[in-house]
Amino acid sequence: MGKICVIHIEKHDLFIAHCYMDFNNVLNRVRNFPEEKLPGRSTCLCVPTAPGEMSNVSSYTLRMARLSAQIFGNVVRPTDSKSMKVVKLFSEQPLAKREEVYNWYPPHNTYYALMKKLRYFGLYRDEHQDFREEMRRLKKLRGKEKPKKGEGKRALKKK
């Protein structure tokens, strides 16, 4: 009597290992399985025939099912719906690594470096930066610029 079936699906080929069910029953179960739950090139699917029949499965079959689940990145042990929510949450890509998040803002550092080069060549005029440089120049002419290292108030007191 069949209890569990380990199926490896790759492109449209089926490889059935350690299956105690008849082949047609397995194919019907796979055909009824939603396609969005079978992502990528290969997936492992464990199909119990009935909810109460898992206790009669041989230990070898369970070990093979666990190993198959580990290899193909599925949940190894049976879990409830609350735990599956956590598994689904952790299997998703982190928020910071999603392209729509990290491409939301323009690359300001790159733009700043380009505008600085263009300004140096005279192809771009930044009036605010010009104003700041002019104020710094006038301050220096009046003798109000920042003192050099070792020439501040504290250093002058010691002399």
N, C-alpha and C. Protein backbone atom coordinates (compact mmCIF):
# COMPACT_ATOMS: atom_id res chain seq x y z
N MET A 1 0.85 -1.18 0.00
CA MET A 1 0.00 0.00 0.00
C MET A 1 0.89 1.24 0.00
N GLY A 2 0.58 2.22 -0.84
CA GLY A 2 1.42 3.40 -0.99
C GLY A 2 1.21 4.44 0.09
N LYS A 3 2.31 5.00 0.56
CA LYS A 3 2.23 6.02 1.59
C LYS A 3 2.85 7.34 1.13
N ILE A 4 4.02 7.27 0.53
CA ILE A 4 4.74 8.49 0.16
C ILE A 4 5.41 8.29 -1.19
N CYS A 5 5.61 9.36 -1.90
CA CYS A 5 6.24 9.28 -3.21
C CYS A 5 7.20 10.46 -3.34
N VAL A 6 8.41 10.22 -3.75
CA VAL A 6 9.38 11.28 -3.98
C VAL A 6 9.49 11.45 -5.49
N ILE A 7 9.18 12.65 -5.97
CA ILE A 7 9.17 12.91 -7.41
C ILE A 7 10.17 14.01 -7.72
N HIS A 8 10.97 13.78 -8.73
CA HIS A 8 11.92 14.78 -9.21
C HIS A 8 11.41 15.23 -10.57
N ILE A 9 11.07 16.52 -10.68
CA ILE A 9 10.52 17.04 -11.92
C ILE A 9 11.56 17.93 -12.57
N GLU A 10 11.95 17.61 -13.79
CA GLU A 10 12.91 18.43 -14.51
C GLU A 10 12.45 18.58 -15.95
N LYS A 11 12.14 19.81 -16.31
CA LYS A 11 11.60 20.17 -17.62
C LYS A 11 10.33 19.42 -17.89
N HIS A 12 9.98 18.43 -18.16
CA HIS A 12 8.70 17.76 -18.22
C HIS A 12 8.90 16.28 -17.98
N ASP A 13 10.08 15.87 -17.51
CA ASP A 13 10.36 14.47 -17.26
C ASP A 13 10.09 14.16 -15.80
N LEU A 14 9.58 12.98 -15.53
CA LEU A 14 9.30 12.56 -14.15
C LEU A 14 10.23 11.42 -13.78
N PHE A 15 10.84 11.53 -12.63
CA PHE A 15 11.63 10.43 -12.10
C PHE A 15 11.02 10.06 -10.76
N ILE A 16 10.53 8.85 -10.64
CA ILE A 16 9.82 8.44 -9.44
C ILE A 16 10.68 7.44 -8.68
N ALA A 17 10.95 7.77 -7.41
CA ALA A 17 11.81 6.90 -6.60
C ALA A 17 11.08 6.53 -5.32
N HIS A 18 11.23 5.32 -4.88
CA HIS A 18 10.69 4.84 -3.62
C HIS A 18 9.19 5.12 -3.52
N CYS A 19 8.48 4.74 -4.54
CA CYS A 19 7.05 5.01 -4.59
C CYS A 19 6.30 3.69 -4.47
N TYR A 20 5.36 3.66 -3.55
CA TYR A 20 4.57 2.45 -3.36
C TYR A 20 3.15 2.63 -3.91
N MET A 21 2.92 3.74 -4.65
CA MET A 21 1.62 3.96 -5.27
C MET A 21 1.71 3.52 -6.72
N ASP A 22 0.57 3.37 -7.34
CA ASP A 22 0.61 3.04 -8.76
C ASP A 22 0.94 4.31 -9.56
N PHE A 23 1.54 4.12 -10.71
CA PHE A 23 2.08 5.22 -11.52
C PHE A 23 1.00 6.22 -11.92
N ASN A 24 -0.19 5.75 -12.31
CA ASN A 24 -1.27 6.65 -12.74
C ASN A 24 -1.73 7.56 -11.62
N ASN A 25 -1.81 7.04 -10.41
CA ASN A 25 -2.21 7.85 -9.26
C ASN A 25 -1.20 8.99 -9.03
N VAL A 26 0.08 8.68 -9.14
CA VAL A 26 1.12 9.69 -8.97
C VAL A 26 1.01 10.76 -10.05
N LEU A 27 0.84 10.34 -11.30
CA LEU A 27 0.73 11.31 -12.39
C LEU A 27 -0.48 12.21 -12.22
N ASN A 28 -1.60 11.67 -11.77
CA ASN A 28 -2.79 12.49 -11.53
C ASN A 28 -2.53 13.52 -10.44
N ARG A 29 -1.84 13.11 -9.37
CA ARG A 29 -1.53 14.06 -8.30
C ARG A 29 -0.61 15.17 -8.79
N VAL A 30 0.37 14.82 -9.61
CA VAL A 30 1.30 15.83 -10.13
C VAL A 30 0.59 16.78 -11.09
N ARG A 31 -0.28 16.25 -11.93
CA ARG A 31 -1.02 17.10 -12.87
C ARG A 31 -1.94 18.07 -12.14
N ASN A 32 -2.50 17.67 -11.00
CA ASN A 32 -3.39 18.54 -10.24
C ASN A 32 -2.63 19.54 -9.38
N PHE A 33 -1.33 19.36 -9.24
CA PHE A 33 -0.53 20.27 -8.42
C PHE A 33 -0.36 21.58 -9.18
N PRO A 34 -0.57 22.75 -8.53
CA PRO A 34 -0.46 24.03 -9.26
C PRO A 34 0.96 24.24 -9.79
N GLU A 35 1.06 24.75 -11.01
CA GLU A 35 2.36 24.90 -11.66
C GLU A 35 3.22 25.95 -10.99
N GLU A 36 2.61 27.00 -10.38
CA GLU A 36 3.42 28.03 -9.75
C GLU A 36 4.14 27.51 -8.51
N LYS A 37 3.72 26.35 -7.99
CA LYS A 37 4.41 25.76 -6.85
C LYS A 37 5.61 24.93 -7.29
N LEU A 38 5.83 24.81 -8.59
CA LEU A 38 6.96 24.04 -9.10
C LEU A 38 7.92 24.96 -9.84
N PRO A 39 8.66 25.85 -9.11
CA PRO A 39 9.52 26.81 -9.79
C PRO A 39 10.83 26.18 -10.22
N GLY A 40 11.50 26.81 -11.18
CA GLY A 40 12.84 26.41 -11.57
C GLY A 40 12.89 25.13 -12.38
N ARG A 41 14.11 24.60 -12.51
CA ARG A 41 14.32 23.41 -13.33
C ARG A 41 13.90 22.14 -12.63
N SER A 42 14.13 22.04 -11.33
CA SER A 42 13.82 20.79 -10.65
C SER A 42 13.21 21.05 -9.29
N THR A 43 12.32 20.17 -8.89
CA THR A 43 11.62 20.31 -7.63
C THR A 43 11.39 18.92 -7.06
N CYS A 44 11.32 18.85 -5.76
CA CYS A 44 10.99 17.59 -5.10
C CYS A 44 9.60 17.73 -4.51
N LEU A 45 8.80 16.72 -4.66
CA LEU A 45 7.43 16.76 -4.18
C LEU A 45 7.14 15.48 -3.43
N CYS A 46 6.73 15.58 -2.18
CA CYS A 46 6.38 14.40 -1.39
C CYS A 46 4.86 14.32 -1.34
N VAL A 47 4.31 13.22 -1.78
CA VAL A 47 2.86 13.07 -1.90
C VAL A 47 2.38 11.95 -0.99
N PRO A 48 1.76 12.27 0.16
CA PRO A 48 1.16 11.20 0.96
C PRO A 48 -0.21 10.83 0.39
N THR A 49 -0.58 9.58 0.44
CA THR A 49 -1.87 9.17 -0.12
C THR A 49 -3.02 9.57 0.79
N ALA A 50 -2.80 9.55 2.10
CA ALA A 50 -3.85 9.94 3.05
C ALA A 50 -3.18 10.53 4.28
N PRO A 51 -3.87 11.43 5.00
CA PRO A 51 -3.24 12.09 6.14
C PRO A 51 -2.83 11.13 7.25
N GLY A 52 -3.56 10.08 7.51
CA GLY A 52 -3.24 9.18 8.61
C GLY A 52 -2.28 8.07 8.27
N GLU A 53 -1.86 7.94 7.02
CA GLU A 53 -1.04 6.82 6.60
C GLU A 53 0.46 7.07 6.74
N MET A 54 0.87 8.25 7.19
CA MET A 54 2.28 8.56 7.29
C MET A 54 3.00 7.71 8.33
N SER A 55 2.29 7.20 9.35
CA SER A 55 2.94 6.44 10.41
C SER A 55 3.41 5.07 9.94
N ASN A 56 2.84 4.52 8.89
CA ASN A 56 3.21 3.19 8.41
C ASN A 56 4.34 3.21 7.38
N VAL A 57 4.87 4.39 7.06
CA VAL A 57 5.91 4.50 6.05
C VAL A 57 7.23 3.99 6.63
N SER A 58 8.03 3.31 5.80
CA SER A 58 9.31 2.78 6.29
C SER A 58 10.27 3.93 6.57
N SER A 59 11.21 3.68 7.47
CA SER A 59 12.17 4.73 7.86
C SER A 59 13.06 5.10 6.68
N TYR A 60 13.37 4.13 5.82
CA TYR A 60 14.19 4.40 4.64
C TYR A 60 13.49 5.40 3.71
N THR A 61 12.20 5.20 3.50
CA THR A 61 11.43 6.10 2.64
C THR A 61 11.40 7.50 3.22
N LEU A 62 11.20 7.59 4.54
CA LEU A 62 11.19 8.91 5.18
C LEU A 62 12.55 9.59 5.06
N ARG A 63 13.64 8.82 5.26
CA ARG A 63 14.98 9.39 5.13
C ARG A 63 15.22 9.89 3.71
N MET A 64 14.78 9.11 2.73
CA MET A 64 14.95 9.52 1.33
C MET A 64 14.13 10.77 1.03
N ALA A 65 12.93 10.84 1.58
CA ALA A 65 12.09 12.02 1.37
C ALA A 65 12.73 13.25 2.00
N ARG A 66 13.29 13.11 3.22
CA ARG A 66 13.96 14.23 3.88
C ARG A 66 15.19 14.67 3.10
N LEU A 67 15.98 13.70 2.65
CA LEU A 67 17.18 14.01 1.88
C LEU A 67 16.81 14.73 0.59
N SER A 68 15.79 14.25 -0.08
CA SER A 68 15.33 14.88 -1.32
C SER A 68 14.86 16.31 -1.06
N ALA A 69 14.13 16.50 0.04
CA ALA A 69 13.65 17.85 0.37
C ALA A 69 14.82 18.78 0.67
N GLN A 70 15.84 18.28 1.35
CA GLN A 70 17.02 19.10 1.64
C GLN A 70 17.75 19.47 0.37
N ILE A 71 17.89 18.52 -0.54
CA ILE A 71 18.62 18.77 -1.79
C ILE A 71 17.92 19.83 -2.62
N PHE A 72 16.60 19.74 -2.74
CA PHE A 72 15.87 20.65 -3.61
C PHE A 72 15.30 21.86 -2.89
N GLY A 73 15.68 22.08 -1.63
CA GLY A 73 15.31 23.30 -0.92
C GLY A 73 13.88 23.36 -0.46
N ASN A 74 13.25 22.24 -0.23
CA ASN A 74 11.88 22.23 0.29
C ASN A 74 11.90 22.05 1.80
N VAL A 75 10.73 22.17 2.43
CA VAL A 75 10.61 21.96 3.86
C VAL A 75 10.84 20.48 4.15
N VAL A 76 11.75 20.19 5.09
CA VAL A 76 12.17 18.82 5.33
C VAL A 76 11.12 18.04 6.11
N ARG A 77 10.63 18.61 7.19
CA ARG A 77 9.65 17.91 8.02
C ARG A 77 8.27 18.51 7.81
N PRO A 78 7.21 17.74 8.04
CA PRO A 78 5.86 18.30 7.88
C PRO A 78 5.63 19.46 8.84
N THR A 79 5.08 20.56 8.32
CA THR A 79 4.85 21.75 9.14
C THR A 79 3.42 22.23 8.98
N ASP A 80 2.95 22.97 9.98
CA ASP A 80 1.60 23.51 9.93
C ASP A 80 1.60 24.80 9.11
N SER A 81 0.41 25.38 8.93
CA SER A 81 0.29 26.55 8.05
C SER A 81 0.99 27.77 8.62
N LYS A 82 1.00 27.93 9.96
CA LYS A 82 1.68 29.08 10.55
C LYS A 82 3.18 29.01 10.29
N SER A 83 3.75 27.82 10.46
CA SER A 83 5.18 27.65 10.21
C SER A 83 5.49 27.81 8.73
N MET A 84 4.59 27.40 7.86
CA MET A 84 4.81 27.56 6.43
C MET A 84 4.86 29.03 6.04
N LYS A 85 4.09 29.88 6.76
CA LYS A 85 4.16 31.32 6.50
C LYS A 85 5.56 31.84 6.79
N VAL A 86 6.16 31.36 7.88
CA VAL A 86 7.52 31.77 8.23
C VAL A 86 8.51 31.26 7.20
N VAL A 87 8.34 30.02 6.77
CA VAL A 87 9.22 29.44 5.74
C VAL A 87 9.12 30.25 4.46
N LYS A 88 7.92 30.62 4.07
CA LYS A 88 7.71 31.41 2.86
C LYS A 88 8.36 32.79 3.00
N LEU A 89 8.22 33.38 4.20
CA LEU A 89 8.79 34.69 4.47
C LEU A 89 10.31 34.66 4.33
N PHE A 90 10.94 33.62 4.89
CA PHE A 90 12.40 33.53 4.83
C PHE A 90 12.91 33.07 3.47
N SER A 91 12.07 32.42 2.68
CA SER A 91 12.52 31.98 1.36
C SER A 91 12.48 33.12 0.34
N GLU A 92 11.74 34.20 0.65
CA GLU A 92 11.71 35.35 -0.25
C GLU A 92 13.02 36.11 -0.16
N GLN A 93 13.28 36.90 -1.19
CA GLN A 93 14.48 37.73 -1.21
C GLN A 93 14.33 38.86 -0.19
N PRO A 94 15.40 39.21 0.55
CA PRO A 94 15.29 40.30 1.53
C PRO A 94 14.90 41.61 0.85
N LEU A 95 14.24 42.47 1.62
CA LEU A 95 13.72 43.73 1.09
C LEU A 95 14.83 44.59 0.49
N ALA A 96 15.98 44.66 1.15
CA ALA A 96 17.08 45.51 0.68
C ALA A 96 17.71 45.00 -0.61
N LYS A 97 17.53 43.72 -0.92
CA LYS A 97 18.14 43.15 -2.13
C LYS A 97 17.20 43.15 -3.32
N ARG A 98 15.97 43.62 -3.13
CA ARG A 98 15.04 43.68 -4.25
C ARG A 98 15.40 44.86 -5.15
N GLU A 99 15.33 44.63 -6.45
CA GLU A 99 15.76 45.66 -7.40
C GLU A 99 14.90 46.92 -7.32
N GLU A 100 13.59 46.76 -7.12
CA GLU A 100 12.73 47.94 -7.05
C GLU A 100 13.02 48.79 -5.83
N VAL A 101 13.66 48.23 -4.81
CA VAL A 101 14.02 49.01 -3.62
C VAL A 101 15.34 49.72 -3.82
N TYR A 102 16.39 48.98 -4.24
CA TYR A 102 17.69 49.64 -4.33
C TYR A 102 17.83 50.50 -5.58
N ASN A 103 16.93 50.40 -6.54
CA ASN A 103 16.96 51.30 -7.70
C ASN A 103 15.95 52.43 -7.58
N TRP A 104 15.36 52.60 -6.39
CA TRP A 104 14.34 53.63 -6.20
C TRP A 104 14.94 55.02 -6.32
N TYR A 105 16.08 55.26 -5.65
CA TYR A 105 16.71 56.56 -5.67
C TYR A 105 17.79 56.60 -6.76
N PRO A 106 17.98 57.77 -7.37
CA PRO A 106 19.03 57.87 -8.39
C PRO A 106 20.41 57.78 -7.74
N PRO A 107 21.44 57.43 -8.50
CA PRO A 107 22.80 57.33 -7.95
C PRO A 107 23.41 58.72 -7.74
N HIS A 108 23.12 59.34 -6.58
CA HIS A 108 23.54 60.72 -6.32
C HIS A 108 25.06 60.88 -6.34
N ASN A 109 25.79 59.92 -5.81
CA ASN A 109 27.26 60.04 -5.77
C ASN A 109 27.83 60.12 -7.18
N THR A 110 27.31 59.33 -8.08
CA THR A 110 27.79 59.35 -9.47
C THR A 110 27.46 60.69 -10.12
N TYR A 111 26.22 61.16 -9.90
CA TYR A 111 25.82 62.44 -10.48
C TYR A 111 26.69 63.58 -9.94
N TYR A 112 26.97 63.54 -8.64
CA TYR A 112 27.78 64.59 -8.02
C TYR A 112 29.18 64.62 -8.63
N ALA A 113 29.79 63.44 -8.79
CA ALA A 113 31.14 63.37 -9.36
C ALA A 113 31.15 63.88 -10.80
N LEU A 114 30.13 63.51 -11.58
CA LEU A 114 30.05 63.97 -12.97
C LEU A 114 29.87 65.48 -13.05
N MET A 115 29.00 66.03 -12.20
CA MET A 115 28.75 67.48 -12.22
C MET A 115 30.00 68.25 -11.77
N LYS A 116 30.74 67.68 -10.84
CA LYS A 116 31.97 68.31 -10.37
C LYS A 116 32.99 68.39 -11.50
N LYS A 117 33.11 67.30 -12.27
CA LYS A 117 34.04 67.28 -13.41
C LYS A 117 33.60 68.28 -14.48
N LEU A 118 32.30 68.29 -14.77
CA LEU A 118 31.78 69.23 -15.78
C LEU A 118 32.00 70.68 -15.33
N ARG A 119 31.85 70.93 -14.04
CA ARG A 119 32.06 72.27 -13.49
C ARG A 119 33.53 72.67 -13.63
N TYR A 120 34.42 71.72 -13.38
CA TYR A 120 35.86 71.97 -13.50
C TYR A 120 36.23 72.31 -14.94
N PHE A 121 35.60 71.65 -15.91
CA PHE A 121 35.87 71.92 -17.32
C PHE A 121 35.13 73.16 -17.83
N GLY A 122 34.24 73.72 -17.02
CA GLY A 122 33.51 74.92 -17.41
C GLY A 122 32.25 74.64 -18.21
N LEU A 123 31.79 73.40 -18.22
CA LEU A 123 30.59 73.04 -18.98
C LEU A 123 29.32 73.10 -18.14
N TYR A 124 29.47 73.29 -16.83
CA TYR A 124 28.31 73.35 -15.93
C TYR A 124 28.57 74.41 -14.88
N ARG A 125 27.52 75.15 -14.54
CA ARG A 125 27.67 76.23 -13.56
C ARG A 125 26.75 75.96 -12.38
N ASP A 126 27.37 75.81 -11.20
CA ASP A 126 26.63 75.61 -9.96
C ASP A 126 26.72 76.91 -9.16
N GLU A 127 25.66 77.70 -9.19
CA GLU A 127 25.69 79.03 -8.56
C GLU A 127 25.87 78.94 -7.05
N HIS A 128 25.28 77.96 -6.43
CA HIS A 128 25.40 77.84 -4.98
C HIS A 128 26.85 77.53 -4.59
N GLN A 129 27.49 76.63 -5.33
CA GLN A 129 28.89 76.30 -5.04
C GLN A 129 29.77 77.51 -5.32
N ASP A 130 29.47 78.27 -6.39
CA ASP A 130 30.23 79.49 -6.69
C ASP A 130 30.10 80.48 -5.53
N PHE A 131 28.89 80.64 -5.00
CA PHE A 131 28.65 81.55 -3.88
C PHE A 131 29.45 81.12 -2.65
N ARG A 132 29.46 79.83 -2.35
CA ARG A 132 30.19 79.33 -1.18
C ARG A 132 31.69 79.57 -1.33
N GLU A 133 32.22 79.34 -2.52
CA GLU A 133 33.64 79.58 -2.76
C GLU A 133 33.99 81.06 -2.65
N GLU A 134 33.09 81.91 -3.14
CA GLU A 134 33.31 83.37 -3.05
C GLU A 134 33.31 83.82 -1.59
N MET A 135 32.38 83.29 -0.78
CA MET A 135 32.33 83.64 0.65
C MET A 135 33.60 83.17 1.36
N ARG A 136 34.08 81.99 1.01
CA ARG A 136 35.32 81.46 1.61
C ARG A 136 36.51 82.35 1.23
N ARG A 137 36.54 82.81 -0.03
CA ARG A 137 37.63 83.68 -0.50
C ARG A 137 37.62 85.02 0.22
N LEU A 138 36.41 85.61 0.39
CA LEU A 138 36.30 86.90 1.09
C LEU A 138 36.68 86.78 2.56
N LYS A 139 36.31 85.67 3.18
CA LYS A 139 36.66 85.42 4.58
C LYS A 139 38.17 85.38 4.74
N LYS A 140 38.83 84.73 3.79
CA LYS A 140 40.28 84.60 3.84
C LYS A 140 40.94 85.97 3.69
N LEU A 141 40.37 86.83 2.81
CA LEU A 141 40.92 88.17 2.62
C LEU A 141 40.81 89.01 3.89
N ARG A 142 39.74 88.80 4.67
CA ARG A 142 39.54 89.54 5.92
C ARG A 142 40.33 88.94 7.08
N GLY A 143 40.96 87.78 6.85
CA GLY A 143 41.71 87.12 7.91
C GLY A 143 40.84 86.31 8.85
N LYS A 144 39.68 85.88 8.40
CA LYS A 144 38.73 85.14 9.25
C LYS A 144 38.66 83.66 8.90
N GLU A 145 39.62 83.16 8.11
CA GLU A 145 39.55 81.75 7.74
C GLU A 145 39.93 80.88 8.94
N LYS A 146 39.68 79.59 8.84
CA LYS A 146 40.00 78.67 9.92
C LYS A 146 41.51 78.59 10.08
N PRO A 147 41.98 78.55 11.33
CA PRO A 147 43.43 78.45 11.53
C PRO A 147 43.95 77.07 11.13
N LYS A 148 45.23 77.03 10.74
CA LYS A 148 45.85 75.76 10.39
C LYS A 148 46.06 74.95 11.65
N LYS A 149 46.32 73.67 11.49
CA LYS A 149 46.51 72.78 12.63
C LYS A 149 47.75 73.23 13.41
N GLY A 150 47.55 73.39 14.72
CA GLY A 150 48.65 73.83 15.58
C GLY A 150 48.75 75.33 15.72
N GLU A 151 47.83 76.09 15.10
CA GLU A 151 47.85 77.55 15.20
C GLU A 151 46.56 78.09 15.81
N GLY A 152 45.77 77.25 16.46
CA GLY A 152 44.51 77.68 17.05
C GLY A 152 44.71 78.39 18.38
N LYS A 153 43.60 78.77 19.05
CA LYS A 153 43.64 79.49 20.33
C LYS A 153 44.41 78.70 21.39
N ARG A 154 44.13 77.42 21.45
CA ARG A 154 44.73 76.58 22.48
C ARG A 154 46.24 76.47 22.29
N ALA A 155 46.66 76.35 21.02
CA ALA A 155 48.10 76.24 20.74
C ALA A 155 48.81 77.55 21.02
N LEU A 156 48.14 78.70 20.77
CA LEU A 156 48.75 80.01 21.01
C LEU A 156 48.91 80.29 22.50
N LYS A 157 48.01 79.75 23.35
CA LYS A 157 48.09 79.94 24.80
C LYS A 157 49.34 79.28 25.36
N LYS A 158 49.73 78.14 24.80
CA LYS A 158 50.86 77.39 25.31
C LYS A 158 52.19 78.07 24.98
N LYS A 159 52.24 78.90 23.94
CA LYS A 159 53.50 79.53 23.50
C LYS A 159 53.88 80.71 24.34
